[in-house]
Protein backbone atom coordinates (compact mmCIF):
# COMPACT_ATOMS: atom_id res chain seq x y z
CA MET A 1 233.06 172.76 -56.89
CA ARG A 2 232.60 176.33 -55.60
CA ASN A 3 229.72 177.99 -57.42
CA LEU A 4 231.13 180.55 -59.87
CA ALA A 5 227.92 182.62 -59.91
CA ILE A 6 228.04 182.96 -56.13
CA ASP A 7 231.71 183.93 -56.36
CA ARG A 8 230.94 186.65 -58.88
CA HIS A 9 228.12 187.99 -56.73
CA GLU A 10 230.33 187.99 -53.65
CA LEU A 11 233.20 189.56 -55.59
CA ALA A 12 230.96 192.33 -56.92
CA ARG A 13 229.63 193.03 -53.42
CA ARG A 14 233.09 193.11 -51.86
CA GLN A 15 234.50 195.22 -54.70
CA ALA A 16 231.69 197.76 -54.23
CA ARG A 17 232.31 197.85 -50.50
CA LEU A 18 236.05 198.31 -51.02
CA ALA A 19 235.37 201.16 -53.47
CA ASP A 20 233.12 202.85 -50.88
CA LEU A 21 235.78 202.47 -48.19
CA GLN A 22 238.47 203.86 -50.48
CA ALA A 23 236.28 206.84 -51.41
CA SER A 24 235.59 207.54 -47.73
CA LEU A 25 239.29 207.25 -46.91
CA SER A 26 240.26 209.60 -49.71
CA ALA A 27 237.69 212.20 -48.60
CA GLN A 28 238.75 212.02 -44.96
CA GLU A 29 242.45 212.22 -45.83
CA GLN A 30 241.82 215.30 -47.99
CA ALA A 31 239.73 216.93 -45.26
CA HIS A 32 242.44 216.29 -42.67
CA ARG A 33 245.21 217.59 -44.92
CA ALA A 34 243.21 220.75 -45.69
CA LEU A 35 242.46 221.46 -42.02
CA HIS A 36 246.05 220.66 -41.01
CA ALA A 37 247.34 223.11 -43.64
CA GLN A 38 244.97 225.84 -42.41
CA VAL A 39 245.96 225.43 -38.77
CA GLN A 40 249.66 225.21 -39.67
CA ALA A 41 249.40 228.43 -41.70
CA PHE A 42 247.76 230.12 -38.72
CA ILE A 43 250.52 228.89 -36.39
CA GLU A 44 253.13 230.37 -38.72
CA ARG A 45 251.26 233.70 -38.82
CA TYR A 46 250.81 233.64 -35.03
CA THR A 47 254.51 232.91 -34.48
CA ALA A 48 255.62 235.57 -36.97
CA GLN A 49 253.46 238.22 -35.30
CA LEU A 50 253.83 237.27 -31.63
CA GLY A 51 256.75 234.85 -31.29
CA SER A 52 259.51 237.44 -30.87
CA LEU A 53 257.41 239.35 -28.33
CA TYR A 54 256.86 236.21 -26.26
CA LEU A 55 260.59 235.46 -26.33
CA GLU A 56 261.47 238.99 -25.27
CA LEU A 57 258.94 238.84 -22.43
CA ASP A 58 260.33 235.48 -21.30
CA ALA A 59 263.87 236.89 -21.24
CA LEU A 60 262.77 239.88 -19.14
CA GLU A 61 260.82 237.62 -16.76
CA SER A 62 263.94 235.49 -16.28
CA GLN A 63 266.13 238.52 -15.56
CA LEU A 64 263.52 239.94 -13.20
CA HIS A 65 263.33 236.62 -11.34
CA THR A 66 267.10 236.74 -10.85
CA ALA A 67 266.87 240.27 -9.45
CA LEU A 68 263.97 239.37 -7.15
CA SER A 69 265.77 236.27 -5.88
CA TYR A 70 268.80 238.39 -5.04
CA LEU A 71 266.59 240.84 -3.10
CA PHE A 72 264.83 238.00 -1.30
CA GLU A 73 268.09 236.42 -0.16
CA ALA A 74 269.54 239.77 0.88
CA LEU A 75 266.43 240.62 2.90
CA GLN A 76 266.56 237.20 4.54
CA ARG A 77 270.17 237.80 5.56
CA ASN A 78 269.16 241.16 7.01
CA GLY A 79 266.42 239.51 9.07
CA VAL A 80 263.53 240.95 7.06
CA ALA A 81 260.72 238.40 6.63
CA THR A 82 259.02 238.13 3.25
CA ALA A 83 255.96 236.20 2.22
CA ARG A 84 257.70 233.60 0.07
CA ARG A 85 260.60 233.00 -2.26
CA PRO A 86 260.00 234.20 -5.84
CA GLU A 87 258.98 231.33 -8.08
CA PRO A 88 260.68 230.77 -11.44
CA PRO A 89 258.64 232.20 -14.31
CA LYS A 90 256.80 229.88 -16.67
CA ALA A 91 257.61 229.96 -20.35
CA SER A 92 255.10 231.76 -22.54
CA ALA A 93 252.51 229.77 -24.42
CA LEU A 94 254.26 229.45 -27.76
CA PRO A 95 252.38 227.25 -30.24
CA PRO A 96 252.82 223.49 -29.69
CA LEU A 97 253.73 221.52 -32.78
CA LEU A 98 251.11 219.80 -34.88
CA ALA A 99 251.44 216.05 -35.29
CA GLN A 100 252.19 214.93 -38.83
CA MET A 101 250.06 212.07 -40.10
CA PRO A 102 252.32 209.27 -41.41
CA ALA A 103 252.02 208.09 -44.97
CA GLY A 104 249.87 205.05 -45.57
CA ALA A 105 251.34 201.63 -46.30
CA PRO A 106 251.21 200.35 -49.90
CA ALA A 107 247.94 198.62 -50.75
CA PRO A 108 247.99 194.84 -51.20
CA ALA A 109 248.87 193.93 -54.79
CA GLN A 110 245.91 192.80 -56.86
CA PRO A 111 246.22 189.32 -58.38
CA GLU A 112 247.66 189.64 -61.85
CA GLY A 113 244.96 189.68 -64.50
CA GLY A 114 242.07 190.08 -62.06
CA LEU A 115 239.38 187.40 -62.02
CA GLN A 116 240.35 184.52 -64.30
CA ASP A 117 237.98 181.89 -65.66
CA LEU A 118 239.47 178.58 -66.76
CA THR A 119 237.96 175.30 -67.86
CA PRO A 120 237.21 173.38 -64.65
CA PRO A 121 239.23 170.16 -64.42
CA SER A 122 237.33 166.90 -64.60
CA LEU A 123 236.91 164.69 -61.55
CA LYS A 124 239.50 162.31 -62.99
CA GLN A 125 242.00 165.14 -63.47
CA LEU A 126 241.47 166.24 -59.88
CA TYR A 127 242.02 162.66 -58.72
CA ARG A 128 245.26 162.32 -60.67
CA ARG A 129 246.61 165.62 -59.35
CA ALA A 130 245.69 164.69 -55.79
CA ALA A 131 247.28 161.26 -56.19
CA MET A 132 250.49 162.83 -57.49
CA ARG A 133 250.66 165.25 -54.57
CA CYS A 134 249.87 162.65 -51.90
CA HIS A 135 251.62 159.53 -53.28
CA PRO A 136 253.49 157.67 -50.50
CA ASP A 137 256.52 157.07 -52.73
CA LEU A 138 257.30 160.81 -52.47
CA ALA A 139 257.80 160.57 -48.71
CA GLY A 140 261.16 161.52 -47.26
CA SER A 141 260.71 159.68 -43.98
CA ALA A 142 258.72 156.88 -42.39
CA ALA A 143 256.47 159.34 -40.58
CA GLU A 144 255.79 161.27 -43.76
CA ARG A 145 255.07 158.05 -45.65
CA GLN A 146 252.52 157.05 -43.04
CA ARG A 147 250.82 160.45 -43.35
CA ARG A 148 250.82 160.25 -47.13
CA GLU A 149 249.28 156.78 -47.02
CA GLN A 150 246.41 158.16 -44.96
CA ASP A 151 246.02 161.08 -47.38
CA MET A 152 246.06 158.69 -50.34
CA MET A 153 243.31 156.64 -48.75
CA SER A 154 241.24 159.82 -48.42
CA VAL A 155 241.88 160.63 -52.09
CA ASN A 156 240.76 157.17 -53.19
CA ARG A 157 237.62 157.27 -51.07
CA ALA A 158 236.69 160.72 -52.40
CA TYR A 159 237.15 159.59 -56.00
CA GLU A 160 235.13 156.42 -55.45
CA ALA A 161 232.34 158.50 -53.89
CA GLN A 162 232.53 161.05 -56.74
CA ASP A 163 233.10 163.66 -54.02
CA ARG A 164 234.50 166.53 -56.02
CA ALA A 165 234.41 168.98 -53.09
CA ARG A 166 236.54 166.63 -50.99
CA LEU A 167 239.13 166.28 -53.74
CA GLU A 168 239.21 170.05 -54.17
CA ASN A 169 239.80 170.55 -50.43
CA ILE A 170 242.59 167.97 -50.43
CA LEU A 171 244.32 169.69 -53.34
CA LEU A 172 243.92 173.17 -51.86
CA ALA A 173 245.32 171.93 -48.53
CA ALA A 174 248.25 170.41 -50.41
CA GLY A 175 249.07 173.78 -51.99
CA GLU A 176 247.46 173.48 -55.42
CA ALA A 177 246.64 176.84 -57.00
CA PRO A 178 242.92 177.62 -56.51
CA GLU A 179 242.37 178.40 -60.18
CA ARG A 180 243.69 174.95 -61.14
CA VAL A 181 241.23 173.36 -58.71
CA THR A 182 238.00 175.33 -59.17
CA GLY A 183 238.49 176.66 -62.68
CA ASN A 184 238.77 180.28 -61.49
CA ASN A 185 240.80 182.36 -59.04
CA SER A 186 237.80 183.78 -57.19
CA LEU A 187 239.14 182.55 -53.85
CA VAL A 188 242.38 184.45 -54.43
CA MET A 189 240.41 187.54 -55.43
CA LEU A 190 238.23 187.30 -52.33
CA GLU A 191 241.29 186.99 -50.11
CA TRP A 192 242.84 190.03 -51.80
CA LEU A 193 239.65 192.03 -51.32
CA GLN A 194 239.56 191.05 -47.66
CA ARG A 195 243.17 192.14 -47.14
CA SER A 196 242.49 195.38 -49.01
CA GLU A 197 239.45 196.13 -46.85
CA GLN A 198 241.46 195.51 -43.70
CA ALA A 199 244.22 197.81 -44.95
CA VAL A 200 241.77 200.62 -45.76
CA GLN A 201 239.97 200.23 -42.43
CA GLY A 202 243.29 200.38 -40.61
CA ARG A 203 244.25 203.54 -42.46
CA LEU A 204 240.84 205.05 -41.70
CA ARG A 205 241.44 204.54 -38.00
CA VAL A 206 244.79 206.34 -38.28
CA VAL A 207 243.26 209.27 -40.19
CA GLN A 208 240.33 209.58 -37.78
CA ALA A 209 242.65 209.50 -34.76
CA HIS A 210 244.81 212.29 -36.21
CA GLN A 211 241.72 214.31 -37.12
CA ALA A 212 240.35 213.97 -33.59
CA ALA A 213 243.70 215.08 -32.15
CA LEU A 214 243.82 218.06 -34.51
CA LEU A 215 240.28 219.16 -33.60
CA THR A 216 241.19 219.21 -29.90
CA HIS A 217 244.59 220.85 -30.42
CA PRO A 218 244.94 224.20 -28.58
CA MET A 219 245.99 225.98 -31.76
CA HIS A 220 242.92 224.68 -33.62
CA ARG A 221 240.69 226.17 -30.93
CA LEU A 222 242.62 229.46 -31.05
CA TRP A 223 242.52 229.49 -34.86
CA THR A 224 238.75 228.99 -34.76
CA ALA A 225 238.29 231.85 -32.30
CA ILE A 226 240.65 234.19 -34.18
CA THR A 227 239.03 233.37 -37.53
CA GLN A 228 235.57 234.10 -36.15
CA ALA A 229 236.76 237.40 -34.68
CA GLU A 230 238.48 238.44 -37.90
CA ALA A 231 235.30 237.64 -39.83
CA LYS A 232 233.62 240.34 -37.71
CA GLY A 233 236.28 242.88 -38.68
CA LEU A 234 238.32 242.56 -35.50
CA ASP A 235 242.10 242.17 -35.27
CA PRO A 236 242.71 240.03 -32.18
CA LEU A 237 246.35 239.25 -33.00
CA SER A 238 247.18 242.95 -33.05
CA VAL A 239 245.40 243.33 -29.71
CA MET A 240 247.46 240.46 -28.29
CA ALA A 241 250.65 242.03 -29.66
CA SER A 242 249.74 245.36 -28.05
CA ARG A 243 249.18 243.67 -24.69
CA LEU A 244 252.52 241.88 -24.95
CA ARG A 245 254.31 245.16 -25.68
CA THR A 246 252.64 246.70 -22.63
CA GLN A 247 253.80 243.78 -20.48
CA ILE A 248 257.31 244.07 -21.91
CA ALA A 249 257.43 247.77 -21.02
CA GLU A 250 256.21 247.01 -17.49
CA ARG A 251 258.80 244.26 -16.99
CA ARG A 252 261.59 246.53 -18.23
CA GLN A 253 260.58 249.16 -15.72
CA GLU A 254 260.35 246.59 -12.90
CA LEU A 255 263.72 245.14 -13.88
CA TYR A 256 265.29 248.60 -13.91
CA ILE A 257 263.98 249.25 -10.40
CA GLY A 258 264.73 245.77 -9.05
CA GLN A 259 268.36 245.85 -10.18
CA ARG A 260 268.98 249.20 -8.47
CA LEU A 261 267.26 248.79 -5.12
CA GLN A 262 269.42 248.39 -2.06
CA PRO A 263 268.38 245.47 0.18
CA GLU A 264 268.67 247.67 3.28
CA SER A 265 265.94 250.05 2.10
CA ASP A 266 262.25 249.75 2.88
CA LEU A 267 261.60 250.19 -0.83
CA ALA A 268 263.23 246.83 -1.54
CA HIS A 269 260.88 244.98 0.81
CA ASN A 270 257.81 246.80 -0.51
CA PHE A 271 258.83 246.26 -4.12
CA LEU A 272 259.36 242.54 -3.57
CA GLN A 273 256.05 242.15 -1.74
CA GLN A 274 254.10 244.01 -4.42
CA ARG A 275 255.73 242.01 -7.17
CA LEU A 276 254.98 238.70 -5.42
CA GLN A 277 251.36 239.76 -4.92
CA ARG A 278 250.98 240.58 -8.62
CA MET A 279 252.52 237.25 -9.56
CA GLY A 280 250.12 235.45 -7.24
CA ALA A 281 247.14 237.30 -8.68
CA ALA A 282 248.25 236.53 -12.24
CA ALA A 283 248.62 232.82 -11.44
CA ALA A 284 245.21 232.62 -9.74
């Protein structure tokens, strides 16, 4: 029979390990949720302060591209060579979304009542139970009867040899409940602990993957830089907003000029060339 003292020692060891894993998982989940909330709050502040400015700048860039394309095509028709066709503007760097970590799956259900100790069955009781499970008269076919006869021979030999372990294995293989075979449900508890460990380890991998992705997210890096600057008394978001307003004013002026230039004038060619040069310098 399986040694109950060894089972208890193994159970205690596995339970302690599971508790450590669960504590580590809980700490890492809390750390990820806290960091995710901080970065998400920053994204919302960033969007509230700069989002409308980025959208306005994008709209002006799109209108300016339309005006420049019209000038380019008109100059081409008039035989005036230009460096290249204006390229469509790229959308502004609005904050990418943060990935949401999925909820964890329910933990495996613990065996009802925990570890149970029962009076171990005698060798004779084990033999009778094994004989009842393996008796050839219970066969539903000739093939099954032949298999049961072989199993019954194994049961008889184990009983004659006083081989309790063999009888236990036969009963367990036949589907007998472990606690009715060994006198306790330690095997069931060990299997539950193993499944629980695997579930926690799987969840840990998910949490760690999401944490790694969050730490390398562009908005986490920007949040870190902005937070460090603000700790020094600086206001980088206001500086960024001021720069965006300056760019918006410049694009409005360029759009005003670009929409009113006549393709036949030298000013149109010069304006287009200067604008394309600035775009090339900005992209470099």
